[in-house]
């Protein structure tokens, strides 16, 4: 991109660049947390409690980190973690 002369909308152009970078990072985090949630559900569906518990710890960590970074709301992370742990606790019953 060519260097622009200072003008009225240069701040808006910079804000747009920043928003694109942040949106890209957020997409990466969302993809990660959805993938680990799917890993937990797959392990739970296969009735593999050991693997499900191991992946659940990883998933909880990822959800918390995404909430800490502001990618998702902290209550959303808590709800998703609770549902995943409920799913894992049903294995073997």
N, C-alpha and C. Protein backbone atom coordinates (compact mmCIF):
# COMPACT_ATOMS: atom_id res chain seq x y z
N UNK A 1 0.84 -1.17 0.00
CA UNK A 1 0.00 0.00 0.00
C UNK A 1 0.90 1.24 0.00
N UNK A 2 0.56 2.19 -0.82
CA UNK A 2 1.35 3.41 -0.92
C UNK A 2 1.14 4.27 0.32
N UNK A 3 2.16 4.99 0.67
CA UNK A 3 2.05 5.88 1.84
C UNK A 3 1.11 7.03 1.51
N UNK A 4 0.17 7.22 2.41
CA UNK A 4 -0.82 8.28 2.20
C UNK A 4 -0.36 9.57 2.87
N UNK A 5 -0.80 10.65 2.30
CA UNK A 5 -0.57 11.92 2.97
C UNK A 5 -1.51 11.98 4.17
N UNK A 6 -1.11 12.73 5.17
CA UNK A 6 -1.98 12.83 6.34
C UNK A 6 -3.26 13.54 5.93
N UNK A 7 -4.34 12.99 6.37
CA UNK A 7 -5.64 13.55 6.02
C UNK A 7 -6.65 13.18 7.07
N UNK A 8 -7.88 13.36 6.75
CA UNK A 8 -8.93 13.13 7.73
C UNK A 8 -9.13 11.65 8.05
N UNK A 9 -9.02 10.81 7.07
CA UNK A 9 -9.40 9.42 7.27
C UNK A 9 -8.24 8.46 7.47
N UNK A 10 -7.04 8.95 7.69
CA UNK A 10 -5.91 8.03 7.88
C UNK A 10 -6.10 7.20 9.15
N UNK A 11 -6.70 7.78 10.17
CA UNK A 11 -6.99 7.04 11.40
C UNK A 11 -7.97 5.92 11.14
N UNK A 12 -8.94 6.18 10.27
CA UNK A 12 -9.93 5.15 9.93
C UNK A 12 -9.28 4.02 9.15
N UNK A 13 -8.32 4.36 8.31
CA UNK A 13 -7.62 3.33 7.53
C UNK A 13 -6.81 2.45 8.47
N UNK A 14 -6.13 3.07 9.44
CA UNK A 14 -5.35 2.31 10.41
C UNK A 14 -6.26 1.42 11.25
N UNK A 15 -7.40 1.95 11.68
CA UNK A 15 -8.34 1.17 12.48
C UNK A 15 -8.85 -0.03 11.70
N UNK A 16 -9.05 0.17 10.40
CA UNK A 16 -9.50 -0.94 9.56
C UNK A 16 -8.44 -2.03 9.47
N UNK A 17 -7.16 -1.63 9.32
CA UNK A 17 -6.08 -2.61 9.29
C UNK A 17 -6.01 -3.38 10.61
N UNK A 18 -6.15 -2.67 11.72
CA UNK A 18 -6.11 -3.32 13.02
C UNK A 18 -7.26 -4.30 13.18
N UNK A 19 -8.45 -3.90 12.74
CA UNK A 19 -9.61 -4.77 12.89
C UNK A 19 -9.45 -6.04 12.06
N UNK A 20 -8.84 -5.93 10.90
CA UNK A 20 -8.60 -7.11 10.08
C UNK A 20 -7.63 -8.07 10.76
N UNK A 21 -6.57 -7.53 11.39
CA UNK A 21 -5.62 -8.39 12.10
C UNK A 21 -6.29 -9.08 13.27
N UNK A 22 -7.08 -8.33 14.03
CA UNK A 22 -7.75 -8.90 15.20
C UNK A 22 -8.78 -9.94 14.79
N UNK A 23 -9.51 -9.68 13.71
CA UNK A 23 -10.51 -10.63 13.23
C UNK A 23 -9.85 -11.93 12.79
N UNK A 24 -8.69 -11.83 12.16
CA UNK A 24 -7.96 -13.01 11.74
C UNK A 24 -7.52 -13.84 12.94
N UNK A 25 -7.00 -13.17 13.97
CA UNK A 25 -6.58 -13.87 15.19
C UNK A 25 -7.77 -14.52 15.88
N UNK A 26 -8.89 -13.81 15.93
CA UNK A 26 -10.09 -14.36 16.55
C UNK A 26 -10.61 -15.59 15.81
N UNK A 27 -10.53 -15.56 14.48
CA UNK A 27 -10.95 -16.73 13.70
C UNK A 27 -10.09 -17.93 14.04
N UNK A 28 -8.81 -17.71 14.20
CA UNK A 28 -7.91 -18.81 14.58
C UNK A 28 -8.27 -19.39 15.93
N UNK A 29 -8.54 -18.52 16.90
CA UNK A 29 -8.91 -19.01 18.23
C UNK A 29 -10.23 -19.76 18.20
N UNK A 30 -11.21 -19.24 17.44
CA UNK A 30 -12.51 -19.93 17.37
C UNK A 30 -12.36 -21.31 16.74
N UNK A 31 -11.52 -21.39 15.73
CA UNK A 31 -11.29 -22.68 15.08
C UNK A 31 -10.66 -23.67 16.07
N UNK A 32 -9.72 -23.18 16.86
CA UNK A 32 -9.04 -24.03 17.84
C UNK A 32 -10.01 -24.55 18.90
N UNK A 33 -10.82 -23.65 19.46
CA UNK A 33 -11.70 -24.08 20.55
C UNK A 33 -12.81 -25.00 20.05
N UNK A 34 -13.25 -24.78 18.83
CA UNK A 34 -14.26 -25.69 18.28
C UNK A 34 -13.67 -27.06 17.99
N UNK A 35 -12.41 -27.09 17.56
CA UNK A 35 -11.76 -28.36 17.26
C UNK A 35 -11.56 -29.19 18.53
N UNK A 36 -11.14 -28.55 19.62
CA UNK A 36 -10.94 -29.32 20.86
C UNK A 36 -12.28 -29.77 21.44
N UNK A 37 -13.32 -28.96 21.26
CA UNK A 37 -14.65 -29.38 21.73
C UNK A 37 -15.12 -30.60 20.94
N UNK A 38 -14.83 -30.61 19.66
CA UNK A 38 -15.21 -31.75 18.82
C UNK A 38 -14.42 -32.99 19.23
N UNK A 39 -13.14 -32.81 19.57
CA UNK A 39 -12.33 -33.94 20.03
C UNK A 39 -12.92 -34.58 21.28
N UNK A 40 -13.43 -33.75 22.19
CA UNK A 40 -14.05 -34.27 23.41
C UNK A 40 -15.31 -35.04 23.08
N UNK A 41 -16.14 -34.50 22.21
CA UNK A 41 -17.39 -35.19 21.86
C UNK A 41 -17.13 -36.49 21.12
N UNK A 42 -16.10 -36.52 20.28
CA UNK A 42 -15.76 -37.76 19.57
C UNK A 42 -15.28 -38.82 20.55
N UNK A 43 -14.43 -38.40 21.49
CA UNK A 43 -13.93 -39.35 22.49
C UNK A 43 -15.08 -39.84 23.38
N UNK A 44 -16.01 -38.96 23.71
CA UNK A 44 -17.15 -39.35 24.53
C UNK A 44 -18.07 -40.30 23.75
N UNK A 45 -18.21 -40.03 22.47
CA UNK A 45 -19.04 -40.90 21.63
C UNK A 45 -18.45 -42.29 21.48
N UNK A 46 -17.14 -42.40 21.58
CA UNK A 46 -16.46 -43.69 21.47
C UNK A 46 -16.35 -44.39 22.83
N UNK A 47 -16.93 -43.78 23.87
CA UNK A 47 -16.88 -44.32 25.24
C UNK A 47 -15.45 -44.52 25.74
N UNK A 48 -14.56 -43.63 25.36
CA UNK A 48 -13.17 -43.68 25.79
C UNK A 48 -12.98 -42.62 26.88
N UNK A 49 -13.22 -43.02 28.13
CA UNK A 49 -13.23 -42.05 29.23
C UNK A 49 -11.84 -41.45 29.49
N UNK A 50 -10.80 -42.27 29.40
CA UNK A 50 -9.45 -41.76 29.66
C UNK A 50 -9.07 -40.66 28.67
N UNK A 51 -9.30 -40.94 27.39
CA UNK A 51 -8.96 -39.96 26.37
C UNK A 51 -9.85 -38.72 26.50
N UNK A 52 -11.13 -38.95 26.79
CA UNK A 52 -12.06 -37.83 26.92
C UNK A 52 -11.66 -36.91 28.07
N UNK A 53 -11.24 -37.48 29.19
CA UNK A 53 -10.81 -36.67 30.32
C UNK A 53 -9.55 -35.88 30.00
N UNK A 54 -8.64 -36.53 29.29
CA UNK A 54 -7.40 -35.86 28.92
C UNK A 54 -7.67 -34.68 27.99
N UNK A 55 -8.52 -34.91 27.00
CA UNK A 55 -8.84 -33.86 26.03
C UNK A 55 -9.72 -32.78 26.68
N UNK A 56 -10.52 -33.17 27.66
CA UNK A 56 -11.37 -32.20 28.35
C UNK A 56 -10.52 -31.15 29.07
N UNK A 57 -9.43 -31.58 29.68
CA UNK A 57 -8.53 -30.63 30.33
C UNK A 57 -7.95 -29.63 29.34
N UNK A 58 -7.55 -30.13 28.20
CA UNK A 58 -7.02 -29.26 27.15
C UNK A 58 -8.10 -28.30 26.65
N UNK A 59 -9.30 -28.84 26.47
CA UNK A 59 -10.40 -28.01 25.97
C UNK A 59 -10.75 -26.91 26.96
N UNK A 60 -10.79 -27.24 28.23
CA UNK A 60 -11.12 -26.24 29.25
C UNK A 60 -10.07 -25.13 29.26
N UNK A 61 -8.82 -25.52 29.12
CA UNK A 61 -7.75 -24.54 29.08
C UNK A 61 -7.89 -23.60 27.88
N UNK A 62 -8.19 -24.17 26.73
CA UNK A 62 -8.33 -23.37 25.51
C UNK A 62 -9.52 -22.42 25.61
N UNK A 63 -10.65 -22.90 26.14
CA UNK A 63 -11.84 -22.06 26.29
C UNK A 63 -11.54 -20.91 27.24
N UNK A 64 -10.84 -21.21 28.36
CA UNK A 64 -10.51 -20.15 29.31
C UNK A 64 -9.58 -19.11 28.69
N UNK A 65 -8.62 -19.57 27.93
CA UNK A 65 -7.67 -18.65 27.32
C UNK A 65 -8.36 -17.77 26.28
N UNK A 66 -9.28 -18.36 25.52
CA UNK A 66 -10.02 -17.57 24.53
C UNK A 66 -10.88 -16.51 25.22
N UNK A 67 -11.46 -16.87 26.37
CA UNK A 67 -12.26 -15.91 27.12
C UNK A 67 -11.37 -14.81 27.69
N UNK A 68 -10.20 -15.18 28.15
CA UNK A 68 -9.27 -14.20 28.72
C UNK A 68 -8.82 -13.19 27.67
N UNK A 69 -8.65 -13.66 26.44
CA UNK A 69 -8.21 -12.78 25.37
C UNK A 69 -9.35 -11.95 24.79
N UNK A 70 -10.58 -12.24 25.20
CA UNK A 70 -11.72 -11.47 24.71
C UNK A 70 -12.30 -11.98 23.42
N UNK A 71 -11.92 -13.18 23.00
CA UNK A 71 -12.45 -13.74 21.77
C UNK A 71 -13.92 -14.13 21.98
N UNK A 72 -14.20 -14.71 23.16
CA UNK A 72 -15.56 -15.08 23.52
C UNK A 72 -15.85 -14.55 24.92
N UNK A 73 -17.11 -14.51 25.28
CA UNK A 73 -17.50 -14.06 26.61
C UNK A 73 -17.17 -15.14 27.63
N UNK A 74 -16.82 -14.73 28.85
CA UNK A 74 -16.41 -15.71 29.86
C UNK A 74 -17.55 -16.63 30.27
N UNK A 75 -18.78 -16.14 30.22
CA UNK A 75 -19.91 -17.01 30.57
C UNK A 75 -20.16 -18.04 29.48
N UNK A 76 -19.88 -17.68 28.24
CA UNK A 76 -19.99 -18.65 27.15
C UNK A 76 -18.98 -19.76 27.35
N UNK A 77 -17.77 -19.40 27.72
CA UNK A 77 -16.73 -20.40 27.97
C UNK A 77 -17.14 -21.32 29.12
N UNK A 78 -17.69 -20.75 30.18
CA UNK A 78 -18.11 -21.55 31.33
C UNK A 78 -19.23 -22.51 30.94
N UNK A 79 -20.17 -22.03 30.15
CA UNK A 79 -21.28 -22.88 29.71
C UNK A 79 -20.79 -24.04 28.84
N UNK A 80 -19.90 -23.74 27.91
CA UNK A 80 -19.38 -24.79 27.03
C UNK A 80 -18.59 -25.83 27.82
N UNK A 81 -17.75 -25.36 28.76
CA UNK A 81 -16.97 -26.29 29.59
C UNK A 81 -17.89 -27.17 30.42
N UNK A 82 -18.95 -26.59 30.98
CA UNK A 82 -19.88 -27.36 31.80
C UNK A 82 -20.58 -28.43 30.97
N UNK A 83 -20.97 -28.08 29.77
CA UNK A 83 -21.65 -29.06 28.91
C UNK A 83 -20.72 -30.19 28.50
N UNK A 84 -19.47 -29.84 28.21
CA UNK A 84 -18.50 -30.88 27.83
C UNK A 84 -18.21 -31.80 29.01
N UNK A 85 -18.05 -31.23 30.19
CA UNK A 85 -17.76 -32.07 31.36
C UNK A 85 -18.95 -32.94 31.73
N UNK A 86 -20.15 -32.44 31.51
CA UNK A 86 -21.36 -33.24 31.75
C UNK A 86 -21.40 -34.42 30.79
N UNK A 87 -21.02 -34.15 29.54
CA UNK A 87 -20.98 -35.21 28.52
C UNK A 87 -19.98 -36.29 28.90
N UNK A 88 -18.81 -35.87 29.38
CA UNK A 88 -17.76 -36.83 29.76
C UNK A 88 -18.17 -37.62 30.99
N UNK A 89 -18.85 -36.96 31.93
CA UNK A 89 -19.24 -37.66 33.16
C UNK A 89 -20.29 -38.73 32.91
N UNK A 90 -21.00 -38.64 31.79
CA UNK A 90 -22.02 -39.65 31.46
C UNK A 90 -21.42 -40.93 30.88
N UNK A 91 -20.13 -40.90 30.54
CA UNK A 91 -19.50 -42.08 29.94
C UNK A 91 -19.44 -43.19 30.99
N UNK A 92 -19.85 -44.37 30.58
CA UNK A 92 -19.76 -45.54 31.46
C UNK A 92 -20.96 -45.72 32.38
N UNK A 93 -21.96 -44.85 32.24
CA UNK A 93 -23.15 -45.02 33.08
C UNK A 93 -24.23 -45.74 32.33
